[in-house]
PDB file of N, CA and C in Angstrom:
ATOM      1  N   LEU A   1      -4.261  -2.788   2.789  1.00  0.00           N
ATOM      2  CA  LEU A   1      -4.811  -3.725   3.221  1.00  0.00           C
ATOM      3  C   LEU A   1      -5.121  -3.386   4.907  1.00  0.00           C
ATOM      4  N   GLU A   2      -4.584  -2.316   5.314  1.00  0.00           N
ATOM      5  CA  GLU A   2      -4.875  -2.088   6.833  1.00  0.00           C
ATOM      6  C   GLU A   2      -5.988  -1.473   7.037  1.00  0.00           C
ATOM      7  N   ILE A   3      -6.342  -0.528   5.922  1.00  0.00           N
ATOM      8  CA  ILE A   3      -7.762   0.210   6.284  1.00  0.00           C
ATOM      9  C   ILE A   3      -8.965  -0.758   5.982  1.00  0.00           C
ATOM     10  N   LEU A   4      -8.702  -1.635   4.974  1.00  0.00           N
ATOM     11  CA  LEU A   4      -9.547  -2.447   4.854  1.00  0.00           C
ATOM     12  C   LEU A   4     -10.221  -3.141   6.207  1.00  0.00           C
ATOM     13  N   ASP A   5      -8.897  -3.750   6.248  1.00  0.00           N
ATOM     14  CA  ASP A   5      -9.200  -4.757   8.255  1.00  0.00           C
ATOM     15  C   ASP A   5      -9.681  -3.448   9.094  1.00  0.00           C
ATOM     16  N   GLU A   6      -8.951  -2.152   9.505  1.00  0.00           N
ATOM     17  CA  GLU A   6     -10.280  -1.464  10.132  1.00  0.00           C
ATOM     18  C   GLU A   6     -11.810  -1.662   9.761  1.00  0.00           C
ATOM     19  N   GLU A   7     -11.899  -1.444   8.342  1.00  0.00           N
ATOM     20  CA  GLU A   7     -13.404  -0.783   7.988  1.00  0.00           C
ATOM     21  C   GLU A   7     -13.875  -2.166   8.270  1.00  0.00           C
ATOM     22  N   VAL A   8     -14.078  -3.610   7.254  1.00  0.00           N
ATOM     23  CA  VAL A   8     -14.365  -4.486   7.273  1.00  0.00           C
ATOM     24  C   VAL A   8     -14.140  -5.733   8.442  1.00  0.00           C
ATOM     25  N   GLY A   9     -12.722  -5.745   9.299  1.00  0.00           N
ATOM     26  CA  GLY A   9     -12.804  -6.547   9.955  1.00  0.00           C
ATOM     27  C   GLY A   9     -11.419  -7.422   9.140  1.00  0.00           C
ATOM     28  N   PRO A  10     -10.971  -8.021  10.261  1.00  0.00           N
ATOM     29  CA  PRO A  10      -9.548  -9.143   9.918  1.00  0.00           C
ATOM     30  C   PRO A  10      -9.943  -9.558   8.669  1.00  0.00           C
ATOM     31  N   ARG A  11      -9.292  -9.885   7.697  1.00  0.00           N
ATOM     32  CA  ARG A  11      -9.386 -11.143   6.276  1.00  0.00           C
ATOM     33  C   ARG A  11      -8.356 -11.487   5.971  1.00  0.00           C
ATOM     34  N   THR A  12      -8.062 -12.875   5.339  1.00  0.00           N
ATOM     35  CA  THR A  12      -6.982 -13.435   4.999  1.00  0.00           C
ATOM     36  C   THR A  12      -7.003 -12.338   3.326  1.00  0.00           C
ATOM     37  N   HIS A  13      -4.913 -12.123   3.644  1.00  0.00           N
ATOM     38  CA  HIS A  13      -4.681 -11.684   2.204  1.00  0.00           C
ATOM     39  C   HIS A  13      -4.065 -12.350   1.447  1.00  0.00           C
ATOM     40  N   LEU A  14      -4.721 -12.191   0.533  1.00  0.00           N
ATOM     41  CA  LEU A  14      -4.218 -13.737  -0.856  1.00  0.00           C
ATOM     42  C   LEU A  14      -3.325 -13.196  -1.341  1.00  0.00           C
ATOM     43  N   HIS A  15      -2.255 -13.550  -1.810  1.00  0.00           N
ATOM     44  CA  HIS A  15      -1.244 -13.308  -2.791  1.00  0.00           C
ATOM     45  C   HIS A  15      -0.965 -14.371  -3.742  1.00  0.00           C
ATOM     46  N   GLY A  16      -2.232 -13.793  -5.169  1.00  0.00           N
ATOM     47  CA  GLY A  16      -1.801 -15.162  -6.231  1.00  0.00           C
ATOM     48  C   GLY A  16      -3.234 -15.306  -5.732  1.00  0.00           C
ATOM     49  N   ARG A  17      -3.592 -16.135  -6.954  1.00  0.00           N
ATOM     50  CA  ARG A  17      -5.044 -16.807  -6.988  1.00  0.00           C
ATOM     51  C   ARG A  17      -4.890 -18.574  -8.366  1.00  0.00           C
ATOM     52  N   GLU A  18      -3.450 -18.476  -8.615  1.00  0.00           N
ATOM     53  CA  GLU A  18      -4.158 -19.260  -9.551  1.00  0.00           C
ATOM     54  C   GLU A  18      -4.727 -20.701  -8.801  1.00  0.00           C
ATOM     55  N   GLY A  19      -5.427 -21.050  -9.481  1.00  0.00           N
ATOM     56  CA  GLY A  19      -6.207 -22.460  -9.241  1.00  0.00           C
ATOM     57  C   GLY A  19      -6.978 -22.315  -7.773  1.00  0.00           C
ATOM     58  N   MET A  20      -7.704 -20.761  -7.557  1.00  0.00           N
ATOM     59  CA  MET A  20      -8.157 -21.201  -6.094  1.00  0.00           C
ATOM     60  C   MET A  20      -9.790 -20.241  -6.525  1.00  0.00           C
ATOM     61  N   MET A  21     -10.494 -20.455  -5.777  1.00  0.00           N
ATOM     62  CA  MET A  21     -12.032 -19.984  -6.184  1.00  0.00           C
ATOM     63  C   MET A  21     -12.039 -18.900  -5.447  1.00  0.00           C
ATOM     64  N   GLU A  22     -12.900 -17.574  -5.982  1.00  0.00           N
ATOM     65  CA  GLU A  22     -12.890 -16.441  -5.110  1.00  0.00           C
ATOM     66  C   GLU A  22     -13.856 -17.265  -3.748  1.00  0.00           C
ATOM     67  N   ARG A  23     -13.126 -16.323  -2.375  1.00  0.00           N
ATOM     68  CA  ARG A  23     -13.794 -16.650  -0.958  1.00  0.00           C
ATOM     69  C   ARG A  23     -14.049 -15.416  -0.371  1.00  0.00           C
ATOM     70  N   GLY A  24     -15.509 -14.914  -0.108  1.00  0.00           N
ATOM     71  CA  GLY A  24     -16.059 -13.546  -0.023  1.00  0.00           C
ATOM     72  C   GLY A  24     -15.210 -12.947   1.023  1.00  0.00           C
ATOM     73  N   ASP A  25     -14.179 -13.580   2.080  1.00  0.00           N
ATOM     74  CA  ASP A  25     -13.302 -13.301   3.150  1.00  0.00           C
ATOM     75  C   ASP A  25     -11.978 -12.951   2.902  1.00  0.00           C
ATOM     76  N   GLU A  26     -11.508 -12.835   1.466  1.00  0.00           N
ATOM     77  CA  GLU A  26     -10.306 -12.586   0.987  1.00  0.00           C
ATOM     78  C   GLU A  26     -10.129 -11.609   0.417  1.00  0.00           C
ATOM     79  N   ILE A  27      -8.861 -10.623   0.932  1.00  0.00           N
ATOM     80  CA  ILE A  27      -8.580  -9.651  -0.099  1.00  0.00           C
ATOM     81  C   ILE A  27      -7.478  -9.999  -0.980  1.00  0.00           C
ATOM     82  N   GLY A  28      -7.398 -10.033  -2.518  1.00  0.00           N
ATOM     83  CA  GLY A  28      -6.464 -10.222  -3.124  1.00  0.00           C
ATOM     84  C   GLY A  28      -5.773  -9.187  -3.118  1.00  0.00           C
ATOM     85  N   VAL A  29      -3.912 -10.172  -3.215  1.00  0.00           N
ATOM     86  CA  VAL A  29      -3.313  -8.855  -3.557  1.00  0.00           C
ATOM     87  C   VAL A  29      -2.386  -9.300  -4.563  1.00  0.00           C
ATOM     88  N   HIS A  30      -1.659  -8.635  -5.697  1.00  0.00           N
ATOM     89  CA  HIS A  30      -0.859  -9.350  -6.879  1.00  0.00           C
ATOM     90  C   HIS A  30       0.228  -8.133  -6.945  1.00  0.00           C
ATOM     91  N   VAL A  31       1.491  -8.564  -7.108  1.00  0.00           N
ATOM     92  CA  VAL A  31       2.474  -7.528  -7.748  1.00  0.00           C
ATOM     93  C   VAL A  31       3.113  -8.431  -8.460  1.00  0.00           C
ATOM     94  N   ILE A  32       3.457  -7.381  -9.598  1.00  0.00           N
ATOM     95  CA  ILE A  32       3.780  -7.211 -11.373  1.00  0.00           C
ATOM     96  C   ILE A  32       5.123  -5.772 -10.858  1.00  0.00           C
ATOM     97  N   ARG A  33       6.243  -7.070 -11.143  1.00  0.00           N
ATOM     98  CA  ARG A  33       7.307  -6.037 -11.373  1.00  0.00           C
ATOM     99  C   ARG A  33       8.018  -6.154 -13.133  1.00  0.00           C
ATOM    100  N   GLY A  34       8.389  -5.349 -13.917  1.00  0.00           N
ATOM    101  CA  GLY A  34       8.594  -5.373 -14.568  1.00  0.00           C
ATOM    102  C   GLY A  34       9.446  -4.270 -15.695  1.00  0.00           C
ATOM    103  N   GLY A  35      10.331  -4.441 -16.456  1.00  0.00           N
ATOM    104  CA  GLY A  35      11.324  -3.560 -17.050  1.00  0.00           C
ATOM    105  C   GLY A  35      11.817  -2.342 -16.155  1.00  0.00           C
ATOM    106  N   ASP A  36      11.379  -0.998 -16.916  1.00  0.00           N
ATOM    107  CA  ASP A  36      12.233   0.082 -15.597  1.00  0.00           C
ATOM    108  C   ASP A  36      11.547   0.768 -15.243  1.00  0.00           C
ATOM    109  N   ILE A  37      10.284   0.077 -14.956  1.00  0.00           N
ATOM    110  CA  ILE A  37       9.167   0.598 -14.195  1.00  0.00           C
ATOM    111  C   ILE A  37       9.380   0.924 -12.450  1.00  0.00           C
ATOM    112  N   VAL A  38       9.319   2.567 -12.251  1.00  0.00           N
ATOM    113  CA  VAL A  38       9.772   2.773 -11.075  1.00  0.00           C
ATOM    114  C   VAL A  38       8.942   2.312  -9.593  1.00  0.00           C
ATOM    115  N   GLY A  39       7.642   2.615  -9.923  1.00  0.00           N
ATOM    116  CA  GLY A  39       6.714   2.535  -9.199  1.00  0.00           C
ATOM    117  C   GLY A  39       5.447   2.987 -10.042  1.00  0.00           C
ATOM    118  N   ASP A  40       4.521   1.740  -9.794  1.00  0.00           N
ATOM    119  CA  ASP A  40       2.797   2.355 -10.473  1.00  0.00           C
ATOM    120  C   ASP A  40       2.614   1.267  -9.723  1.00  0.00           C
ATOM    121  N   HIS A  41       1.370   2.071  -8.789  1.00  0.00           N
ATOM    122  CA  HIS A  41       0.650   1.556  -7.649  1.00  0.00           C
ATOM    123  C   HIS A  41      -1.037   1.529  -7.970  1.00  0.00           C
ATOM    124  N   ALA A  42      -1.745   0.301  -7.408  1.00  0.00           N
ATOM    125  CA  ALA A  42      -3.529   0.866  -7.890  1.00  0.00           C
ATOM    126  C   ALA A  42      -4.075  -0.277  -7.268  1.00  0.00           C
ATOM    127  N   VAL A  43      -4.868   0.542  -6.597  1.00  0.00           N
ATOM    128  CA  VAL A  43      -5.760  -0.096  -5.376  1.00  0.00           C
ATOM    129  C   VAL A  43      -7.090   0.179  -6.074  1.00  0.00           C
ATOM    130  N   LEU A  44      -7.701  -1.425  -6.520  1.00  0.00           N
ATOM    131  CA  LEU A  44      -9.065  -1.264  -7.258  1.00  0.00           C
ATOM    132  C   LEU A  44     -10.212  -1.969  -6.484  1.00  0.00           C
ATOM    133  N   PHE A  45     -11.397  -1.468  -6.165  1.00  0.00           N
ATOM    134  CA  PHE A  45     -12.526  -1.916  -5.601  1.00  0.00           C
ATOM    135  C   PHE A  45     -13.270  -2.294  -6.577  1.00  0.00           C
ATOM    136  N   ALA A  46     -13.413  -3.226  -6.554  1.00  0.00           N
ATOM    137  CA  ALA A  46     -14.264  -4.374  -8.233  1.00  0.00           C
ATOM    138  C   ALA A  46     -15.228  -4.527  -7.389  1.00  0.00           C
ATOM    139  N   GLY A  47     -16.644  -4.350  -8.149  1.00  0.00           N
ATOM    140  CA  GLY A  47     -17.871  -4.852  -7.940  1.00  0.00           C
ATOM    141  C   GLY A  47     -18.744  -5.521  -8.935  1.00  0.00           C
ATOM    142  N   ASN A  48     -19.821  -5.930  -8.736  1.00  0.00           N
ATOM    143  CA  ASN A  48     -20.594  -6.264  -9.900  1.00  0.00           C
ATOM    144  C   ASN A  48     -20.308  -5.278 -11.213  1.00  0.00           C
ATOM    145  N   TYR A  49     -19.879  -5.324 -12.215  1.00  0.00           N
ATOM    146  CA  TYR A  49     -20.075  -4.684 -13.398  1.00  0.00           C
ATOM    147  C   TYR A  49     -19.276  -2.930 -13.289  1.00  0.00           C
ATOM    148  N   GLU A  50     -18.408  -2.960 -12.390  1.00  0.00           N
ATOM    149  CA  GLU A  50     -17.997  -1.619 -11.749  1.00  0.00           C
ATOM    150  C   GLU A  50     -16.412  -2.120 -11.363  1.00  0.00           C
ATOM    151  N   VAL A  51     -15.691  -0.897 -11.748  1.00  0.00           N
ATOM    152  CA  VAL A  51     -14.385  -0.992 -10.819  1.00  0.00           C
ATOM    153  C   VAL A  51     -14.292   0.592 -10.602  1.00  0.00           C
ATOM    154  N   LEU A  52     -13.753   0.733  -9.504  1.00  0.00           N
ATOM    155  CA  LEU A  52     -13.215   2.012  -8.654  1.00  0.00           C
ATOM    156  C   LEU A  52     -11.548   1.567  -8.568  1.00  0.00           C
ATOM    157  N   GLU A  53     -10.947   2.936  -9.533  1.00  0.00           N
ATOM    158  CA  GLU A  53      -9.261   2.055  -9.037  1.00  0.00           C
ATOM    159  C   GLU A  53      -8.877   3.803  -8.493  1.00  0.00           C
ATOM    160  N   LEU A  54      -7.676   3.648  -7.980  1.00  0.00           N
ATOM    161  CA  LEU A  54      -6.886   4.643  -7.270  1.00  0.00           C
ATOM    162  C   LEU A  54      -5.601   4.419  -7.886  1.00  0.00           C
ATOM    163  N   SER A  55      -5.035   5.112  -8.302  1.00  0.00           N
ATOM    164  CA  SER A  55      -3.367   4.906  -8.634  1.00  0.00           C
ATOM    165  C   SER A  55      -2.750   5.807  -8.326  1.00  0.00           C
ATOM    166  N   HIS A  56      -1.418   5.760  -8.370  1.00  0.00           N
ATOM    167  CA  HIS A  56       0.061   6.277  -8.182  1.00  0.00           C
ATOM    168  C   HIS A  56       0.994   5.876  -9.051  1.00  0.00           C
ATOM    169  N   ARG A  57       1.767   6.870  -9.833  1.00  0.00           N
ATOM    170  CA  ARG A  57       2.627   6.511 -10.675  1.00  0.00           C
ATOM    171  C   ARG A  57       4.405   7.501 -10.097  1.00  0.00           C
ATOM    172  N   ALA A  58       5.173   6.782 -10.311  1.00  0.00           N
ATOM    173  CA  ALA A  58       6.468   7.522  -9.778  1.00  0.00           C
ATOM    174  C   ALA A  58       7.331   7.447 -11.472  1.00  0.00           C
ATOM    175  N   TYR A  59       7.880   8.410 -12.052  1.00  0.00           N
ATOM    176  CA  TYR A  59       9.167   8.365 -12.709  1.00  0.00           C
ATOM    177  C   TYR A  59      10.306   8.283 -12.706  1.00  0.00           C
ATOM    178  N   ASP A  60      10.455   8.391 -11.178  1.00  0.00           N
ATOM    179  CA  ASP A  60      12.334   8.503 -10.666  1.00  0.00           C
ATOM    180  C   ASP A  60      11.873   7.864  -9.206  1.00  0.00           C
ATOM    181  N   ARG A  61      12.939   7.578  -8.885  1.00  0.00           N
ATOM    182  CA  ARG A  61      13.170   6.788  -7.548  1.00  0.00           C
ATOM    183  C   ARG A  61      13.539   7.804  -6.845  1.00  0.00           C
ATOM    184  N   GLY A  62      13.300   9.367  -6.998  1.00  0.00           N
ATOM    185  CA  GLY A  62      13.896  10.154  -6.142  1.00  0.00           C
ATOM    186  C   GLY A  62      12.744  10.732  -5.201  1.00  0.00           C
ATOM    187  N   VAL A  63      11.356  10.520  -6.024  1.00  0.00           N
ATOM    188  CA  VAL A  63      10.324  10.582  -4.838  1.00  0.00           C
ATOM    189  C   VAL A  63      10.413   9.585  -3.816  1.00  0.00           C
ATOM    190  N   PHE A  64      10.618   8.696  -4.014  1.00  0.00           N
ATOM    191  CA  PHE A  64      10.696   7.698  -2.656  1.00  0.00           C
ATOM    192  C   PHE A  64      11.559   7.838  -1.465  1.00  0.00           C
ATOM    193  N   ALA A  65      13.008   8.432  -2.442  1.00  0.00           N
ATOM    194  CA  ALA A  65      14.198   8.977  -1.347  1.00  0.00           C
ATOM    195  C   ALA A  65      13.952   9.970  -0.647  1.00  0.00           C
ATOM    196  N   SER A  66      12.940  11.016  -1.491  1.00  0.00           N
ATOM    197  CA  SER A  66      12.821  12.365  -0.493  1.00  0.00           C
ATOM    198  C   SER A  66      12.134  12.040   0.815  1.00  0.00           C
ATOM    199  N   GLY A  67      10.820  11.089   0.595  1.00  0.00           N
ATOM    200  CA  GLY A  67      10.357  10.810   1.587  1.00  0.00           C
ATOM    201  C   GLY A  67      11.110  10.006   2.682  1.00  0.00           C
ATOM    202  N   ALA A  68      12.143   8.763   2.191  1.00  0.00           N
ATOM    203  CA  ALA A  68      13.031   8.287   3.012  1.00  0.00           C
ATOM    204  C   ALA A  68      13.957   9.857   3.615  1.00  0.00           C
ATOM    205  N   VAL A  69      14.196  10.347   3.737  1.00  0.00           N
ATOM    206  CA  VAL A  69      15.271  11.564   4.072  1.00  0.00           C
ATOM    207  C   VAL A  69      14.312  12.366   4.737  1.00  0.00           C
ATOM    208  N   ARG A  70      13.046  12.752   4.586  1.00  0.00           N
ATOM    209  CA  ARG A  70      12.178  13.779   5.653  1.00  0.00           C
ATOM    210  C   ARG A  70      11.741  12.507   6.062  1.00  0.00           C
ATOM    211  N   ALA A  71      11.873  11.657   6.664  1.00  0.00           N
ATOM    212  CA  ALA A  71      11.790  10.828   7.616  1.00  0.00           C
ATOM    213  C   ALA A  71      12.927  10.480   8.407  1.00  0.00           C
ATOM    214  N   ALA A  72      13.797   9.946   8.139  1.00  0.00           N
ATOM    215  CA  ALA A  72      15.057  10.245   8.737  1.00  0.00           C
ATOM    216  C   ALA A  72      15.411  11.447   9.949  1.00  0.00           C
ATOM    217  N   ALA A  73      15.126  12.490   8.910  1.00  0.00           N
ATOM    218  CA  ALA A  73      15.382  13.897   9.479  1.00  0.00           C
ATOM    219  C   ALA A  73      14.256  14.025  10.890  1.00  0.00           C
ATOM    220  N   TRP A  74      13.307  13.649  10.396  1.00  0.00           N
ATOM    221  CA  TRP A  74      12.009  13.837  11.240  1.00  0.00           C
ATOM    222  C   TRP A  74      12.306  12.670  13.141  1.00  0.00           C
ATOM    223  N   VAL A  75      13.177  11.706  12.030  1.00  0.00           N
ATOM    224  CA  VAL A  75      13.174  10.991  13.580  1.00  0.00           C
ATOM    225  C   VAL A  75      14.512  11.015  14.514  1.00  0.00           C
ATOM    226  N   ILE A  76      14.807  11.653  14.434  1.00  0.00           N
ATOM    227  CA  ILE A  76      15.987  12.456  15.199  1.00  0.00           C
ATOM    228  C   ILE A  76      15.827  12.889  16.264  1.00  0.00           C
ATOM    229  N   GLY A  77      16.275  12.305  17.286  1.00  0.00           N
ATOM    230  CA  GLY A  77      15.955  12.951  18.921  1.00  0.00           C
ATOM    231  C   GLY A  77      14.753  12.550  19.149  1.00  0.00           C
ATOM    232  N   ARG A  78      13.864  11.761  18.520  1.00  0.00           N
ATOM    233  CA  ARG A  78      12.652  11.207  18.882  1.00  0.00           C
ATOM    234  C   ARG A  78      12.918   9.480  20.076  1.00  0.00           C
ATOM    235  N   LYS A  79      12.072   9.517  21.112  1.00  0.00           N
ATOM    236  CA  LYS A  79      12.609   8.474  21.678  1.00  0.00           C
ATOM    237  C   LYS A  79      12.037   6.680  20.714  1.00  0.00           C
ATOM    238  N   PRO A  80      12.628   5.762  20.965  1.00  0.00           N
ATOM    239  CA  PRO A  80      12.714   5.046  20.674  1.00  0.00           C
ATOM    240  C   PRO A  80      11.464   4.090  20.715  1.00  0.00           C
ATOM    241  N   GLY A  81      10.502   3.840  19.130  1.00  0.00           N
ATOM    242  CA  GLY A  81       9.581   3.202  19.112  1.00  0.00           C
ATOM    243  C   GLY A  81       8.972   2.633  17.688  1.00  0.00           C
ATOM    244  N   VAL A  82       8.087   2.293  17.619  1.00  0.00           N
ATOM    245  CA  VAL A  82       7.624   1.886  16.454  1.00  0.00           C
ATOM    246  C   VAL A  82       6.975   3.280  15.834  1.00  0.00           C
ATOM    247  N   TYR A  83       7.136   4.305  14.173  1.00  0.00           N
ATOM    248  CA  TYR A  83       6.669   5.159  13.741  1.00  0.00           C
ATOM    249  C   TYR A  83       6.071   4.998  12.652  1.00  0.00           C
ATOM    250  N   GLY A  84       4.797   5.424  11.934  1.00  0.00           N
ATOM    251  CA  GLY A  84       4.739   5.578  10.937  1.00  0.00           C
ATOM    252  C   GLY A  84       4.801   6.669   9.811  1.00  0.00           C
ATOM    253  N   MET A  85       4.538   6.343   8.270  1.00  0.00           N
ATOM    254  CA  MET A  85       4.977   7.772   7.994  1.00  0.00           C
ATOM    255  C   MET A  85       3.466   8.713   8.212  1.00  0.00           C
ATOM    256  N   ALA A  86       2.377   8.353   8.963  1.00  0.00           N
ATOM    257  CA  ALA A  86       1.255   9.261   8.902  1.00  0.00           C
ATOM    258  C   ALA A  86       1.837   9.916  10.418  1.00  0.00           C
ATOM    259  N   ASP A  87       2.717   9.663  10.963  1.00  0.00           N
ATOM    260  CA  ASP A  87       3.406  10.367  12.349  1.00  0.00           C
ATOM    261  C   ASP A  87       4.526  11.354  11.538  1.00  0.00           C
ATOM    262  N   VAL A  88       5.050  10.940  10.747  1.00  0.00           N
ATOM    263  CA  VAL A  88       6.138  11.829   9.751  1.00  0.00           C
ATOM    264  C   VAL A  88       5.878  13.337   9.366  1.00  0.00           C
ATOM    265  N   LEU A  89       4.370  12.864   8.597  1.00  0.00           N
ATOM    266  CA  LEU A  89       3.819  13.856   8.333  1.00  0.00           C
ATOM    267  C   LEU A  89       2.601  14.874   8.948  1.00  0.00           C
ATOM    268  N   ASN A  90       2.912  14.327  10.266  1.00  0.00           N
ATOM    269  CA  ASN A  90       1.575  14.842  11.095  1.00  0.00           C
ATOM    270  C   ASN A  90       0.133  14.633  11.107  1.00  0.00           C
ATOM    271  N   LEU A  91       0.225  13.323  10.672  1.00  0.00           N
ATOM    272  CA  LEU A  91      -1.375  12.835  10.062  1.00  0.00           C
ATOM    273  C   LEU A  91      -2.235  12.071  10.919  1.00  0.00           C
ATOM    274  N   SER A  92      -1.332  11.656  12.388  1.00  0.00           N
ATOM    275  CA  SER A  92      -2.280  10.703  13.388  1.00  0.00           C
ATOM    276  C   SER A  92      -2.432  11.421  14.792  1.00  0.00           C
TER     277      SER A  92
END
């Protein structure tokens, strides 16, 4: 959502659409949790008659834990502040 906000300007982030009509200045956000699914994430860019989908599936929570451990090790000795994974991965 932050990437879209940077590219097209701030928009209302709408969580769920039941009973609501589409408005051009909104970005829809939906969350579904079920069964023993560990992580299944998708970003859809939907237009007229086509959809571009970017997806990520994790089959074990260790994927997320290893990132958290890496971030914890990285932050040791850093000045107090707000950091993101882009900092940890040296992408910023």
